[in-house]
Amino acid sequence: MSSITMAMVDAAYGATAAQARPHDTDPFQPGDFVVYPTHGVGKVDRVGSEEIAGHTLDFIYISFEENRMTLRVPISHARSSGLRKLATPQAMDAVLRILAGRPRVSRLMWAKRAQEFLAKINSGDLKMLAEVVRDLHTSAGGAGPSFSQRNLFELALDRLAGEFAGVAQIDKQAALDKLTQTLEGARKAEAARTDPEPATTGA
């Protein structure tokens, strides 16, 4: 169970007091699969109240099967924390198009790029996550990738595959295979565009 600090309690209570029944046209319900930015895909186990430090707070309880963790998110902070439901199939189609595109080349030092990549991975933004996977794929799969490059690539790919599996209703390995095939297809297409054709000689 995640720890809740007094600062979080006071902030959550203040938000709840200011808006006792926050308007949400698409509230989280038990059984929903959701994405939490820094943990990936989880499942809402229940939504309920709990008394902490003399305050009654409403929480969303989310379980993450892979790492056997349960997270409590105050309802008043759910949206601002980046918690969201799984993407639509249309959004996943857009992800595949991003993966099939050309990677963005950056001239920044790796330390700066690594910070940007990690921020995108933990943003919970599906488009940014797909861009990280695309941009790191060549360096992570090439000759002699650095340890940090491969780690970031595998983290981003794992997060993306988790959501892809949930949306497509397939297992995670099948999702990984689909994403990897898309990446490899893009790499081969890029190589065909950039490599000159063998010269031919006349008879």
Protein backbone atom coordinates (compact mmCIF):
# COMPACT_ATOMS: atom_id res chain seq x y z
CA MET A 1 0.00 0.00 0.00
CA SER A 2 1.44 3.38 -0.96
CA SER A 3 2.24 5.86 1.80
CA ILE A 4 0.19 9.04 2.17
CA THR A 5 1.98 12.09 3.62
CA MET A 6 0.33 14.74 5.76
CA ALA A 7 0.90 17.29 3.00
CA MET A 8 -1.02 15.05 0.59
CA VAL A 9 -3.83 14.64 3.15
CA ASP A 10 -4.13 18.38 3.73
CA ALA A 11 -4.04 19.15 0.00
CA ALA A 12 -6.58 16.47 -0.82
CA TYR A 13 -8.88 17.57 1.99
CA GLY A 14 -8.63 21.18 0.88
CA ALA A 15 -9.56 20.25 -2.67
CA THR A 16 -12.42 18.07 -1.45
CA ALA A 17 -13.74 20.80 0.85
CA ALA A 18 -13.61 23.33 -1.97
CA GLN A 19 -15.49 20.99 -4.29
CA ALA A 20 -17.19 18.22 -2.34
CA ARG A 21 -18.55 16.53 -5.44
CA PRO A 22 -16.09 17.22 -8.27
CA HIS A 23 -17.84 17.13 -11.62
CA ASP A 24 -16.50 14.31 -13.77
CA THR A 25 -18.37 13.27 -16.89
CA ASP A 26 -16.38 10.04 -17.08
CA PRO A 27 -15.61 8.94 -13.51
CA PHE A 28 -13.40 5.99 -12.63
CA GLN A 29 -15.30 2.86 -11.67
CA PRO A 30 -14.27 -0.49 -10.14
CA GLY A 31 -13.08 -2.80 -12.89
CA ASP A 32 -11.77 0.02 -15.10
CA PHE A 33 -8.29 -0.43 -16.51
CA VAL A 34 -6.41 2.82 -16.10
CA VAL A 35 -2.99 4.32 -16.73
CA TYR A 36 -1.01 5.99 -13.97
CA PRO A 37 1.95 7.91 -15.44
CA THR A 38 4.76 6.48 -13.33
CA HIS A 39 3.41 2.93 -12.96
CA GLY A 40 1.70 2.06 -16.23
CA VAL A 41 -1.51 0.07 -16.55
CA GLY A 42 -3.48 -0.90 -13.46
CA LYS A 43 -7.01 -1.86 -12.51
CA VAL A 44 -9.41 0.06 -10.29
CA ASP A 45 -10.29 -2.30 -7.43
CA ARG A 46 -12.65 0.01 -5.62
CA VAL A 47 -13.55 3.62 -4.92
CA GLY A 48 -14.18 4.45 -1.30
CA SER A 49 -13.58 6.65 1.73
CA GLU A 50 -10.91 6.40 4.37
CA GLU A 51 -10.25 8.44 7.51
CA ILE A 52 -6.71 9.78 7.75
CA ALA A 53 -5.46 12.30 10.33
CA GLY A 54 -9.03 13.16 11.27
CA HIS A 55 -10.12 13.82 7.69
CA THR A 56 -12.41 11.62 5.60
CA LEU A 57 -10.97 11.37 2.10
CA ASP A 58 -12.25 9.66 -1.03
CA PHE A 59 -9.73 7.41 -2.77
CA ILE A 60 -9.39 5.36 -5.92
CA TYR A 61 -7.64 2.07 -5.13
CA ILE A 62 -5.62 0.79 -8.08
CA SER A 63 -3.80 -2.54 -8.27
CA PHE A 64 -0.84 -3.25 -10.56
CA GLU A 65 -0.65 -6.97 -11.16
CA GLU A 66 2.89 -7.12 -12.54
CA ASN A 67 4.58 -5.62 -9.50
CA ARG A 68 1.88 -6.61 -6.99
CA MET A 69 1.37 -3.06 -5.82
CA THR A 70 -1.73 -1.16 -4.74
CA LEU A 71 -1.91 2.61 -5.11
CA ARG A 72 -4.31 4.99 -3.37
CA VAL A 73 -5.08 8.11 -5.37
CA PRO A 74 -7.27 10.85 -3.85
CA ILE A 75 -10.25 11.38 -6.15
CA SER A 76 -9.73 15.14 -5.95
CA HIS A 77 -6.22 14.68 -7.40
CA ALA A 78 -6.95 11.89 -9.87
CA ARG A 79 -7.01 13.95 -13.05
CA SER A 80 -4.21 16.32 -12.03
CA SER A 81 -1.97 13.35 -11.21
CA GLY A 82 -2.33 12.15 -14.80
CA LEU A 83 -4.57 9.17 -14.04
CA ARG A 84 -6.60 8.30 -17.13
CA LYS A 85 -8.51 5.46 -18.69
CA LEU A 86 -7.01 3.31 -21.43
CA ALA A 87 -6.62 4.92 -24.83
CA THR A 88 -9.08 4.29 -27.64
CA PRO A 89 -8.33 1.92 -30.55
CA GLN A 90 -8.05 5.01 -32.75
CA ALA A 91 -5.33 6.40 -30.48
CA MET A 92 -3.46 3.10 -30.77
CA ASP A 93 -3.67 3.30 -34.57
CA ALA A 94 -1.98 6.70 -34.26
CA VAL A 95 0.70 5.10 -32.07
CA LEU A 96 1.51 2.58 -34.79
CA ARG A 97 1.82 5.40 -37.30
CA ILE A 98 4.26 7.19 -35.01
CA LEU A 99 6.34 4.04 -34.60
CA ALA A 100 6.41 3.59 -38.37
CA GLY A 101 7.69 7.14 -38.88
CA ARG A 102 11.19 8.50 -39.04
CA PRO A 103 12.94 8.97 -35.68
CA ARG A 104 13.67 12.52 -34.55
CA VAL A 105 17.38 13.25 -34.46
CA SER A 106 18.62 15.42 -31.58
CA ARG A 107 22.02 17.04 -31.19
CA LEU A 108 21.68 17.44 -27.42
CA MET A 109 24.11 15.71 -25.08
CA TRP A 110 22.88 12.27 -24.00
CA ALA A 111 22.44 13.31 -20.35
CA LYS A 112 19.99 16.03 -21.39
CA ARG A 113 18.22 13.77 -23.86
CA ALA A 114 17.90 11.04 -21.22
CA GLN A 115 16.17 13.49 -18.87
CA GLU A 116 13.74 14.48 -21.62
CA PHE A 117 13.03 10.86 -22.52
CA LEU A 118 12.33 9.92 -18.90
CA ALA A 119 10.05 12.92 -18.45
CA LYS A 120 8.07 11.86 -21.53
CA ILE A 121 7.86 8.25 -20.32
CA ASN A 122 6.48 9.36 -16.95
CA SER A 123 4.15 11.99 -18.42
CA GLY A 124 1.41 9.45 -19.14
CA ASP A 125 1.03 10.98 -22.61
CA LEU A 126 0.61 8.14 -25.11
CA LYS A 127 1.93 10.14 -28.07
CA MET A 128 5.08 11.15 -26.20
CA LEU A 129 5.63 7.55 -25.10
CA ALA A 130 5.40 6.32 -28.68
CA GLU A 131 7.88 8.99 -29.79
CA VAL A 132 10.38 7.84 -27.16
CA VAL A 133 10.09 4.23 -28.33
CA ARG A 134 10.55 5.30 -31.96
CA ASP A 135 13.47 7.64 -31.30
CA LEU A 136 15.34 5.21 -29.03
CA HIS A 137 14.75 2.11 -31.12
CA THR A 138 17.65 2.63 -33.52
CA SER A 139 20.21 3.46 -30.83
CA ALA A 140 18.95 0.77 -28.46
CA GLY A 141 19.03 -1.88 -31.16
CA GLY A 142 22.20 -0.78 -32.87
CA ALA A 143 25.79 -1.68 -32.22
CA GLY A 144 26.93 -0.89 -28.71
CA PRO A 145 23.98 1.01 -27.22
CA SER A 146 24.67 2.44 -23.79
CA PHE A 147 23.18 0.79 -20.72
CA SER A 148 20.97 3.82 -20.03
CA GLN A 149 19.74 3.96 -23.64
CA ARG A 150 18.65 0.34 -23.57
CA ASN A 151 17.05 0.71 -20.15
CA LEU A 152 15.00 3.73 -21.24
CA PHE A 153 13.97 2.04 -24.46
CA GLU A 154 12.87 -1.13 -22.67
CA LEU A 155 10.97 0.89 -20.03
CA ALA A 156 9.13 2.90 -22.70
CA LEU A 157 8.38 -0.17 -24.81
CA ASP A 158 7.10 -2.08 -21.76
CA ARG A 159 4.75 0.77 -20.80
CA LEU A 160 3.49 1.09 -24.36
CA ALA A 161 2.98 -2.66 -24.71
CA GLY A 162 1.02 -2.79 -21.46
CA GLU A 163 -1.52 -0.27 -22.73
CA PHE A 164 -1.57 -1.73 -26.24
CA ALA A 165 -2.38 -5.14 -24.77
CA GLY A 166 -5.24 -3.70 -22.71
CA VAL A 167 -6.76 -1.83 -25.64
CA ALA A 168 -6.38 -4.68 -28.15
CA GLN A 169 -7.37 -7.28 -25.51
CA ILE A 170 -4.33 -9.44 -26.19
CA ASP A 171 -1.56 -10.62 -23.90
CA LYS A 172 1.47 -8.42 -23.32
CA GLN A 173 3.87 -10.61 -25.29
CA ALA A 174 1.65 -10.41 -28.36
CA ALA A 175 1.56 -6.63 -27.93
CA LEU A 176 5.36 -6.51 -27.69
CA ASP A 177 5.63 -8.60 -30.85
CA LYS A 178 3.27 -6.28 -32.75
CA LEU A 179 5.11 -3.13 -31.67
CA THR A 180 8.51 -4.67 -32.42
CA GLN A 181 7.38 -5.75 -35.89
CA THR A 182 6.23 -2.20 -36.61
CA LEU A 183 9.57 -0.78 -35.44
CA GLU A 184 11.60 -3.27 -37.48
CA GLY A 185 9.49 -2.60 -40.55
CA ALA A 186 10.17 1.12 -40.17
CA ARG A 187 13.90 0.50 -39.75
CA LYS A 188 14.07 -1.60 -42.92
CA ALA A 189 12.10 1.00 -44.87
CA GLU A 190 14.45 3.75 -43.67
CA ALA A 191 17.49 1.66 -44.62
CA ALA A 192 16.06 1.11 -48.09
CA ARG A 193 15.60 4.87 -48.51
CA THR A 194 19.09 5.82 -47.36
CA ASP A 195 21.27 3.00 -48.74
CA PRO A 196 22.28 3.51 -52.37
CA GLU A 197 21.36 0.77 -54.81
CA PRO A 198 24.27 -1.36 -56.09
CA ALA A 199 25.87 0.18 -59.16
CA THR A 200 25.32 -1.66 -62.42
CA THR A 201 27.78 -1.91 -65.27
CA GLY A 202 27.04 -2.17 -68.91
CA ALA A 203 27.76 -5.34 -70.88
